[in-house]
């Protein structure tokens, strides 16, 4: 029998975004998060949820600036961990930075490793170099950003180091099929749950986004799929079921050894 205490409640926030307007986006999301107060453990927002996928330095914030502080406040208010990425201006340049905000006010961060060449992201942002795994209720969670999804080596679950991989995204509708397939592939090959949260609507470059945010099981099966509506949905994941499957199907023991250089 599954122990409910080992379950993790994960909320996917699929929403339209106002182009380059942190104030408008934070205000809208804050209103939506009211329904999650005390009802979830982990809230996942899309990539660059305050601005959309903008290459402009306009509205880039300093580390621990207003939007990061807003995330910290929402984490305290909902009593849940909040995840989302922001454009941040460091001394060495802009980064697409995922912030993990905890209810106690602490944060952890991950800078996007793979910059989207077809959108010229590499001409405006600096790549990250380190992965992140953080702990929540006994779960180990590793966050990634959008284009990272296409690179299985970077997502590799070395020695089963994480239980849940999270991908926040601005993934255009024209490539929805790739999004759907790759989320499942990352789950199957890494023996882990995968959550992918994408935006909807049109951005400032007239690109269309159709959502398709999803939660995928360690077998590659859809636990939930949000289609194209603006919605927030919460799912409960079982750590006991994950561990049981890994014991009965320990494919990780036959993984090729490698080291990133």
C-alpha atoms as a PDB file:
ATOM      1  CA  UNK A   1       0.000   0.000   0.000  1.00  0.00           C
ATOM      2  CA  UNK A   2       1.301   3.451  -0.894  1.00  0.00           C
ATOM      3  CA  UNK A   3       2.225   5.771   1.958  1.00  0.00           C
ATOM      4  CA  UNK A   4       0.356   9.048   1.436  1.00  0.00           C
ATOM      5  CA  UNK A   5       3.104  10.923   3.252  1.00  0.00           C
ATOM      6  CA  UNK A   6       5.466  10.089   0.379  1.00  0.00           C
ATOM      7  CA  UNK A   7       3.112  11.593  -2.197  1.00  0.00           C
ATOM      8  CA  UNK A   8       3.899  14.927  -3.820  1.00  0.00           C
ATOM      9  CA  UNK A   9       1.167  17.317  -4.984  1.00  0.00           C
ATOM     10  CA  UNK A  10       2.328  19.073  -8.139  1.00  0.00           C
ATOM     11  CA  UNK A  11       0.426  22.003  -9.698  1.00  0.00           C
ATOM     12  CA  UNK A  12       0.918  22.954 -13.354  1.00  0.00           C
ATOM     13  CA  UNK A  13       0.104  26.583 -14.164  1.00  0.00           C
ATOM     14  CA  UNK A  14      -0.670  26.931 -17.870  1.00  0.00           C
ATOM     15  CA  UNK A  15      -1.362  30.561 -18.775  1.00  0.00           C
ATOM     16  CA  UNK A  16      -1.093  33.249 -21.408  1.00  0.00           C
ATOM     17  CA  UNK A  17       1.608  35.876 -20.806  1.00  0.00           C
ATOM     18  CA  UNK A  18       1.601  39.630 -21.346  1.00  0.00           C
ATOM     19  CA  UNK A  19       4.634  40.571 -23.449  1.00  0.00           C
ATOM     20  CA  UNK A  20       7.450  42.111 -21.396  1.00  0.00           C
ATOM     21  CA  UNK A  21       5.233  43.130 -18.467  1.00  0.00           C
ATOM     22  CA  UNK A  22       6.336  41.649 -15.124  1.00  0.00           C
ATOM     23  CA  UNK A  23       3.759  43.671 -13.192  1.00  0.00           C
ATOM     24  CA  UNK A  24       0.824  42.437 -15.279  1.00  0.00           C
ATOM     25  CA  UNK A  25       1.976  38.823 -15.310  1.00  0.00           C
ATOM     26  CA  UNK A  26       2.725  38.645 -11.592  1.00  0.00           C
ATOM     27  CA  UNK A  27      -0.620  40.235 -10.818  1.00  0.00           C
ATOM     28  CA  UNK A  28      -2.510  37.757 -12.980  1.00  0.00           C
ATOM     29  CA  UNK A  29      -0.668  34.703 -11.646  1.00  0.00           C
ATOM     30  CA  UNK A  30      -1.021  35.855  -8.043  1.00  0.00           C
ATOM     31  CA  UNK A  31      -4.781  35.958  -8.467  1.00  0.00           C
ATOM     32  CA  UNK A  32      -4.765  32.435  -9.915  1.00  0.00           C
ATOM     33  CA  UNK A  33      -2.587  31.026  -7.130  1.00  0.00           C
ATOM     34  CA  UNK A  34      -5.190  31.862  -4.494  1.00  0.00           C
ATOM     35  CA  UNK A  35      -6.896  28.547  -5.228  1.00  0.00           C
ATOM     36  CA  UNK A  36      -3.703  26.670  -4.333  1.00  0.00           C
ATOM     37  CA  UNK A  37      -3.196  28.019  -0.815  1.00  0.00           C
ATOM     38  CA  UNK A  38      -2.516  24.992   1.393  1.00  0.00           C
ATOM     39  CA  UNK A  39      -3.532  22.644  -1.434  1.00  0.00           C
ATOM     40  CA  UNK A  40      -0.228  21.758  -3.098  1.00  0.00           C
ATOM     41  CA  UNK A  41       3.479  21.175  -2.513  1.00  0.00           C
ATOM     42  CA  UNK A  42       5.010  22.348  -5.790  1.00  0.00           C
ATOM     43  CA  UNK A  43       3.787  25.048  -8.203  1.00  0.00           C
ATOM     44  CA  UNK A  44       5.341  25.185 -11.678  1.00  0.00           C
ATOM     45  CA  UNK A  45       5.113  28.339 -13.828  1.00  0.00           C
ATOM     46  CA  UNK A  46       6.213  28.641 -17.488  1.00  0.00           C
ATOM     47  CA  UNK A  47       9.611  29.791 -18.736  1.00  0.00           C
ATOM     48  CA  UNK A  48      10.100  33.579 -18.507  1.00  0.00           C
ATOM     49  CA  UNK A  49       6.649  33.842 -16.967  1.00  0.00           C
ATOM     50  CA  UNK A  50       7.010  37.572 -16.268  1.00  0.00           C
ATOM     51  CA  UNK A  51       7.924  38.624 -19.825  1.00  0.00           C
ATOM     52  CA  UNK A  52       7.453  35.885 -22.386  1.00  0.00           C
ATOM     53  CA  UNK A  53      10.439  34.646 -24.402  1.00  0.00           C
ATOM     54  CA  UNK A  54      11.896  38.107 -24.978  1.00  0.00           C
ATOM     55  CA  UNK A  55      15.428  38.734 -26.184  1.00  0.00           C
ATOM     56  CA  UNK A  56      15.331  42.346 -24.967  1.00  0.00           C
ATOM     57  CA  UNK A  57      17.213  43.472 -21.871  1.00  0.00           C
ATOM     58  CA  UNK A  58      14.166  45.594 -21.026  1.00  0.00           C
ATOM     59  CA  UNK A  59      12.609  44.385 -17.764  1.00  0.00           C
ATOM     60  CA  UNK A  60      15.600  42.182 -16.970  1.00  0.00           C
ATOM     61  CA  UNK A  61      15.976  42.244 -13.197  1.00  0.00           C
ATOM     62  CA  UNK A  62      18.916  42.085 -10.858  1.00  0.00           C
ATOM     63  CA  UNK A  63      19.393  38.878  -8.858  1.00  0.00           C
ATOM     64  CA  UNK A  64      16.809  38.664  -6.070  1.00  0.00           C
ATOM     65  CA  UNK A  65      14.947  41.583  -7.641  1.00  0.00           C
ATOM     66  CA  UNK A  66      11.190  42.303  -7.571  1.00  0.00           C
ATOM     67  CA  UNK A  67       9.981  39.173  -9.390  1.00  0.00           C
ATOM     68  CA  UNK A  68      12.158  36.876  -7.289  1.00  0.00           C
ATOM     69  CA  UNK A  69      10.834  38.575  -4.165  1.00  0.00           C
ATOM     70  CA  UNK A  70       7.314  38.110  -5.510  1.00  0.00           C
ATOM     71  CA  UNK A  71       7.997  34.378  -5.912  1.00  0.00           C
ATOM     72  CA  UNK A  72       9.233  34.218  -2.325  1.00  0.00           C
ATOM     73  CA  UNK A  73       6.039  35.910  -1.126  1.00  0.00           C
ATOM     74  CA  UNK A  74       3.861  33.521  -3.132  1.00  0.00           C
ATOM     75  CA  UNK A  75       5.741  30.522  -1.763  1.00  0.00           C
ATOM     76  CA  UNK A  76       5.059  31.737   1.770  1.00  0.00           C
ATOM     77  CA  UNK A  77       1.427  32.538   0.961  1.00  0.00           C
ATOM     78  CA  UNK A  78       0.665  29.171  -0.656  1.00  0.00           C
ATOM     79  CA  UNK A  79       3.012  27.188   1.617  1.00  0.00           C
ATOM     80  CA  UNK A  80       4.392  25.542  -1.500  1.00  0.00           C
ATOM     81  CA  UNK A  81       7.603  25.668  -3.503  1.00  0.00           C
ATOM     82  CA  UNK A  82       7.270  27.926  -6.567  1.00  0.00           C
ATOM     83  CA  UNK A  83       9.287  27.335  -9.768  1.00  0.00           C
ATOM     84  CA  UNK A  84       9.582  29.604 -12.806  1.00  0.00           C
ATOM     85  CA  UNK A  85      12.249  31.284 -14.920  1.00  0.00           C
ATOM     86  CA  UNK A  86      13.072  34.983 -15.264  1.00  0.00           C
ATOM     87  CA  UNK A  87      15.451  37.098 -17.331  1.00  0.00           C
ATOM     88  CA  UNK A  88      18.143  38.215 -14.924  1.00  0.00           C
ATOM     89  CA  UNK A  89      20.929  40.721 -15.470  1.00  0.00           C
ATOM     90  CA  UNK A  90      24.216  39.559 -13.968  1.00  0.00           C
ATOM     91  CA  UNK A  91      27.526  41.425 -14.137  1.00  0.00           C
ATOM     92  CA  UNK A  92      28.640  39.067 -16.923  1.00  0.00           C
ATOM     93  CA  UNK A  93      25.420  39.452 -18.945  1.00  0.00           C
ATOM     94  CA  UNK A  94      21.829  38.249 -19.156  1.00  0.00           C
ATOM     95  CA  UNK A  95      20.795  34.775 -18.024  1.00  0.00           C
ATOM     96  CA  UNK A  96      17.553  32.841 -18.337  1.00  0.00           C
ATOM     97  CA  UNK A  97      17.364  31.877 -14.673  1.00  0.00           C
ATOM     98  CA  UNK A  98      15.004  29.403 -13.099  1.00  0.00           C
ATOM     99  CA  UNK A  99      14.236  30.321  -9.501  1.00  0.00           C
ATOM    100  CA  UNK A 100      13.074  27.807  -6.905  1.00  0.00           C
ATOM    101  CA  UNK A 101      11.390  29.732  -4.083  1.00  0.00           C
ATOM    102  CA  UNK A 102      10.696  27.985  -0.779  1.00  0.00           C
ATOM    103  CA  UNK A 103       8.074  28.953   1.842  1.00  0.00           C
ATOM    104  CA  UNK A 104      10.830  29.810   4.338  1.00  0.00           C
ATOM    105  CA  UNK A 105      12.133  32.546   2.019  1.00  0.00           C
ATOM    106  CA  UNK A 106      15.169  30.678   0.717  1.00  0.00           C
ATOM    107  CA  UNK A 107      15.831  30.233  -2.998  1.00  0.00           C
ATOM    108  CA  UNK A 108      17.889  28.024  -5.294  1.00  0.00           C
ATOM    109  CA  UNK A 109      18.615  28.754  -8.950  1.00  0.00           C
ATOM    110  CA  UNK A 110      19.424  27.105 -12.274  1.00  0.00           C
ATOM    111  CA  UNK A 111      20.597  28.991 -15.387  1.00  0.00           C
ATOM    112  CA  UNK A 112      19.449  27.595 -18.732  1.00  0.00           C
ATOM    113  CA  UNK A 113      22.230  25.530 -20.276  1.00  0.00           C
ATOM    114  CA  UNK A 114      21.012  25.154 -23.872  1.00  0.00           C
ATOM    115  CA  UNK A 115      20.165  28.479 -25.476  1.00  0.00           C
ATOM    116  CA  UNK A 116      17.679  28.352 -28.357  1.00  0.00           C
ATOM    117  CA  UNK A 117      19.769  29.039 -31.443  1.00  0.00           C
ATOM    118  CA  UNK A 118      16.769  29.338 -33.770  1.00  0.00           C
ATOM    119  CA  UNK A 119      15.534  32.254 -31.668  1.00  0.00           C
ATOM    120  CA  UNK A 120      19.042  33.775 -31.333  1.00  0.00           C
ATOM    121  CA  UNK A 121      18.922  33.297 -27.572  1.00  0.00           C
ATOM    122  CA  UNK A 122      22.672  32.629 -27.539  1.00  0.00           C
ATOM    123  CA  UNK A 123      23.296  36.174 -28.843  1.00  0.00           C
ATOM    124  CA  UNK A 124      21.576  37.747 -25.846  1.00  0.00           C
ATOM    125  CA  UNK A 125      21.978  35.336 -22.920  1.00  0.00           C
ATOM    126  CA  UNK A 126      24.837  33.519 -21.258  1.00  0.00           C
ATOM    127  CA  UNK A 127      24.567  29.726 -20.794  1.00  0.00           C
ATOM    128  CA  UNK A 128      24.509  28.065 -17.417  1.00  0.00           C
ATOM    129  CA  UNK A 129      27.045  25.405 -16.514  1.00  0.00           C
ATOM    130  CA  UNK A 130      25.613  23.562 -13.501  1.00  0.00           C
ATOM    131  CA  UNK A 131      22.586  21.356 -12.963  1.00  0.00           C
ATOM    132  CA  UNK A 132      20.423  21.648  -9.876  1.00  0.00           C
ATOM    133  CA  UNK A 133      18.783  18.991  -7.724  1.00  0.00           C
ATOM    134  CA  UNK A 134      16.781  20.168  -4.716  1.00  0.00           C
ATOM    135  CA  UNK A 135      14.835  18.285  -2.047  1.00  0.00           C
ATOM    136  CA  UNK A 136      11.160  18.551  -1.140  1.00  0.00           C
ATOM    137  CA  UNK A 137       9.265  16.167   1.160  1.00  0.00           C
ATOM    138  CA  UNK A 138      11.823  13.432   0.559  1.00  0.00           C
ATOM    139  CA  UNK A 139      11.712  13.934  -3.220  1.00  0.00           C
ATOM    140  CA  UNK A 140      14.720  14.930  -5.304  1.00  0.00           C
ATOM    141  CA  UNK A 141      13.739  17.335  -8.083  1.00  0.00           C
ATOM    142  CA  UNK A 142      15.834  18.548 -11.007  1.00  0.00           C
ATOM    143  CA  UNK A 143      14.616  21.571 -13.014  1.00  0.00           C
ATOM    144  CA  UNK A 144      15.443  22.378 -16.636  1.00  0.00           C
ATOM    145  CA  UNK A 145      14.349  25.037 -19.132  1.00  0.00           C
ATOM    146  CA  UNK A 146      12.651  24.521 -22.504  1.00  0.00           C
ATOM    147  CA  UNK A 147      15.326  23.751 -25.150  1.00  0.00           C
ATOM    148  CA  UNK A 148      17.178  21.638 -22.540  1.00  0.00           C
ATOM    149  CA  UNK A 149      14.498  19.017 -23.228  1.00  0.00           C
ATOM    150  CA  UNK A 150      16.116  18.160 -26.571  1.00  0.00           C
ATOM    151  CA  UNK A 151      19.432  17.149 -24.972  1.00  0.00           C
ATOM    152  CA  UNK A 152      19.236  13.791 -23.182  1.00  0.00           C
ATOM    153  CA  UNK A 153      22.826  13.837 -21.969  1.00  0.00           C
ATOM    154  CA  UNK A 154      22.196  17.010 -19.951  1.00  0.00           C
ATOM    155  CA  UNK A 155      18.954  15.556 -18.575  1.00  0.00           C
ATOM    156  CA  UNK A 156      20.577  12.196 -17.760  1.00  0.00           C
ATOM    157  CA  UNK A 157      19.516  10.911 -14.344  1.00  0.00           C
ATOM    158  CA  UNK A 158      22.978   9.824 -13.241  1.00  0.00           C
ATOM    159  CA  UNK A 159      22.771   7.158 -10.500  1.00  0.00           C
ATOM    160  CA  UNK A 160      19.052   7.942 -10.141  1.00  0.00           C
ATOM    161  CA  UNK A 161      19.943  11.295  -8.632  1.00  0.00           C
ATOM    162  CA  UNK A 162      16.456  12.730  -9.104  1.00  0.00           C
ATOM    163  CA  UNK A 163      12.864  11.475  -8.858  1.00  0.00           C
ATOM    164  CA  UNK A 164      11.139  14.253 -10.797  1.00  0.00           C
ATOM    165  CA  UNK A 165      12.443  16.322 -13.710  1.00  0.00           C
ATOM    166  CA  UNK A 166      10.724  19.660 -14.371  1.00  0.00           C
ATOM    167  CA  UNK A 167      10.808  21.481 -17.720  1.00  0.00           C
ATOM    168  CA  UNK A 168       9.463  25.041 -17.833  1.00  0.00           C
ATOM    169  CA  UNK A 169       8.944  26.259 -21.387  1.00  0.00           C
ATOM    170  CA  UNK A 170       7.839  28.693 -24.057  1.00  0.00           C
ATOM    171  CA  UNK A 171       7.510  25.923 -26.665  1.00  0.00           C
ATOM    172  CA  UNK A 172       5.757  27.065 -29.891  1.00  0.00           C
ATOM    173  CA  UNK A 173       2.675  25.268 -31.183  1.00  0.00           C
ATOM    174  CA  UNK A 174       4.426  24.344 -34.442  1.00  0.00           C
ATOM    175  CA  UNK A 175       6.600  21.863 -32.521  1.00  0.00           C
ATOM    176  CA  UNK A 176       4.022  20.444 -30.104  1.00  0.00           C
ATOM    177  CA  UNK A 177       4.580  16.897 -31.370  1.00  0.00           C
ATOM    178  CA  UNK A 178       8.278  17.080 -30.433  1.00  0.00           C
ATOM    179  CA  UNK A 179       7.357  18.436 -26.975  1.00  0.00           C
ATOM    180  CA  UNK A 180       4.944  15.565 -26.332  1.00  0.00           C
ATOM    181  CA  UNK A 181       7.368  12.873 -27.498  1.00  0.00           C
ATOM    182  CA  UNK A 182      10.432  14.251 -25.732  1.00  0.00           C
ATOM    183  CA  UNK A 183       8.697  14.599 -22.363  1.00  0.00           C
ATOM    184  CA  UNK A 184       7.802  10.913 -22.523  1.00  0.00           C
ATOM    185  CA  UNK A 185      11.291   9.937 -23.690  1.00  0.00           C
ATOM    186  CA  UNK A 186      12.976  11.772 -20.830  1.00  0.00           C
ATOM    187  CA  UNK A 187      10.683   9.997 -18.329  1.00  0.00           C
ATOM    188  CA  UNK A 188      11.225   6.508 -19.748  1.00  0.00           C
ATOM    189  CA  UNK A 189      14.985   6.710 -20.145  1.00  0.00           C
ATOM    190  CA  UNK A 190      15.548   8.307 -16.730  1.00  0.00           C
ATOM    191  CA  UNK A 191      13.137   6.161 -14.672  1.00  0.00           C
ATOM    192  CA  UNK A 192      11.595   9.329 -13.262  1.00  0.00           C
ATOM    193  CA  UNK A 193       8.446  11.411 -13.311  1.00  0.00           C
ATOM    194  CA  UNK A 194       8.547  14.369 -15.699  1.00  0.00           C
ATOM    195  CA  UNK A 195       6.535  17.600 -15.517  1.00  0.00           C
ATOM    196  CA  UNK A 196       6.474  19.979 -18.479  1.00  0.00           C
ATOM    197  CA  UNK A 197       4.792  23.388 -18.172  1.00  0.00           C
ATOM    198  CA  UNK A 198       4.299  25.480 -21.297  1.00  0.00           C
ATOM    199  CA  UNK A 199       2.496  28.780 -21.957  1.00  0.00           C
ATOM    200  CA  UNK A 200      -0.449  29.473 -24.272  1.00  0.00           C
ATOM    201  CA  UNK A 201      -1.379  32.448 -26.490  1.00  0.00           C
ATOM    202  CA  UNK A 202       0.581  34.692 -28.849  1.00  0.00           C
ATOM    203  CA  UNK A 203       3.846  36.379 -27.890  1.00  0.00           C
ATOM    204  CA  UNK A 204       5.303  39.701 -29.010  1.00  0.00           C
ATOM    205  CA  UNK A 205       6.813  38.017 -32.065  1.00  0.00           C
ATOM    206  CA  UNK A 206       3.406  36.625 -33.111  1.00  0.00           C
ATOM    207  CA  UNK A 207       4.467  33.072 -32.253  1.00  0.00           C
ATOM    208  CA  UNK A 208       1.601  30.841 -31.141  1.00  0.00           C
ATOM    209  CA  UNK A 209       1.801  28.598 -28.072  1.00  0.00           C
ATOM    210  CA  UNK A 210      -0.693  25.799 -27.513  1.00  0.00           C
ATOM    211  CA  UNK A 211       0.233  24.663 -24.008  1.00  0.00           C
ATOM    212  CA  UNK A 212       0.138  20.852 -23.863  1.00  0.00           C
ATOM    213  CA  UNK A 213       1.616  21.001 -20.366  1.00  0.00           C
ATOM    214  CA  UNK A 214       1.795  17.495 -18.961  1.00  0.00           C
ATOM    215  CA  UNK A 215       2.773  15.196 -16.140  1.00  0.00           C
ATOM    216  CA  UNK A 216       4.369  11.954 -17.287  1.00  0.00           C
ATOM    217  CA  UNK A 217       4.946   8.792 -15.249  1.00  0.00           C
ATOM    218  CA  UNK A 218       8.222   6.892 -15.019  1.00  0.00           C
ATOM    219  CA  UNK A 219       6.714   4.485 -17.589  1.00  0.00           C
ATOM    220  CA  UNK A 220       6.135   7.304 -20.071  1.00  0.00           C
ATOM    221  CA  UNK A 221       2.386   7.362 -19.493  1.00  0.00           C
ATOM    222  CA  UNK A 222       0.384  10.578 -19.255  1.00  0.00           C
ATOM    223  CA  UNK A 223      -0.846  11.229 -15.741  1.00  0.00           C
ATOM    224  CA  UNK A 224      -2.322  14.504 -16.900  1.00  0.00           C
ATOM    225  CA  UNK A 225      -2.353  16.658 -20.052  1.00  0.00           C
ATOM    226  CA  UNK A 226      -3.665  20.228 -20.010  1.00  0.00           C
ATOM    227  CA  UNK A 227      -4.440  20.633 -23.739  1.00  0.00           C
ATOM    228  CA  UNK A 228      -4.611  24.309 -24.802  1.00  0.00           C
ATOM    229  CA  UNK A 229      -6.743  25.958 -22.097  1.00  0.00           C
ATOM    230  CA  UNK A 230      -5.661  28.481 -19.501  1.00  0.00           C
ATOM    231  CA  UNK A 231      -5.830  26.286 -16.426  1.00  0.00           C
ATOM    232  CA  UNK A 232      -4.200  25.136 -13.211  1.00  0.00           C
ATOM    233  CA  UNK A 233      -4.290  21.442 -12.435  1.00  0.00           C
ATOM    234  CA  UNK A 234      -2.836  19.541  -9.496  1.00  0.00           C
ATOM    235  CA  UNK A 235      -1.695  15.923  -9.527  1.00  0.00           C
ATOM    236  CA  UNK A 236      -0.468  13.595  -6.784  1.00  0.00           C
ATOM    237  CA  UNK A 237       2.681  11.586  -7.454  1.00  0.00           C
ATOM    238  CA  UNK A 238       3.722   8.480  -5.532  1.00  0.00           C
ATOM    239  CA  UNK A 239       7.332   8.010  -4.486  1.00  0.00           C
ATOM    240  CA  UNK A 240       6.565   4.464  -3.332  1.00  0.00           C
ATOM    241  CA  UNK A 241       5.342   3.494  -6.793  1.00  0.00           C
ATOM    242  CA  UNK A 242       8.442   5.007  -8.375  1.00  0.00           C
ATOM    243  CA  UNK A 243      10.776   3.126  -6.038  1.00  0.00           C
ATOM    244  CA  UNK A 244       8.903  -0.131  -6.579  1.00  0.00           C
ATOM    245  CA  UNK A 245       9.194   0.188 -10.348  1.00  0.00           C
ATOM    246  CA  UNK A 246      12.903   0.976 -10.152  1.00  0.00           C
ATOM    247  CA  UNK A 247      13.435  -2.152  -8.059  1.00  0.00           C
ATOM    248  CA  UNK A 248      11.521  -4.384 -10.475  1.00  0.00           C
ATOM    249  CA  UNK A 249      13.016  -2.803 -13.620  1.00  0.00           C
ATOM    250  CA  UNK A 250      16.531  -1.549 -12.714  1.00  0.00           C
ATOM    251  CA  UNK A 251      17.582  -0.464 -16.212  1.00  0.00           C
ATOM    252  CA  UNK A 252      19.828   2.201 -14.672  1.00  0.00           C
ATOM    253  CA  UNK A 253      22.260  -0.525 -13.615  1.00  0.00           C
ATOM    254  CA  UNK A 254      23.113  -1.070 -17.294  1.00  0.00           C
ATOM    255  CA  UNK A 255      23.590   2.613 -18.142  1.00  0.00           C
ATOM    256  CA  UNK A 256      26.756   3.711 -19.913  1.00  0.00           C
ATOM    257  CA  UNK A 257      29.240   5.501 -17.709  1.00  0.00           C
ATOM    258  CA  UNK A 258      30.245   8.983 -18.835  1.00  0.00           C
ATOM    259  CA  UNK A 259      31.410  12.342 -17.587  1.00  0.00           C
ATOM    260  CA  UNK A 260      30.529  15.787 -18.926  1.00  0.00           C
ATOM    261  CA  UNK A 261      33.582  17.860 -19.805  1.00  0.00           C
END
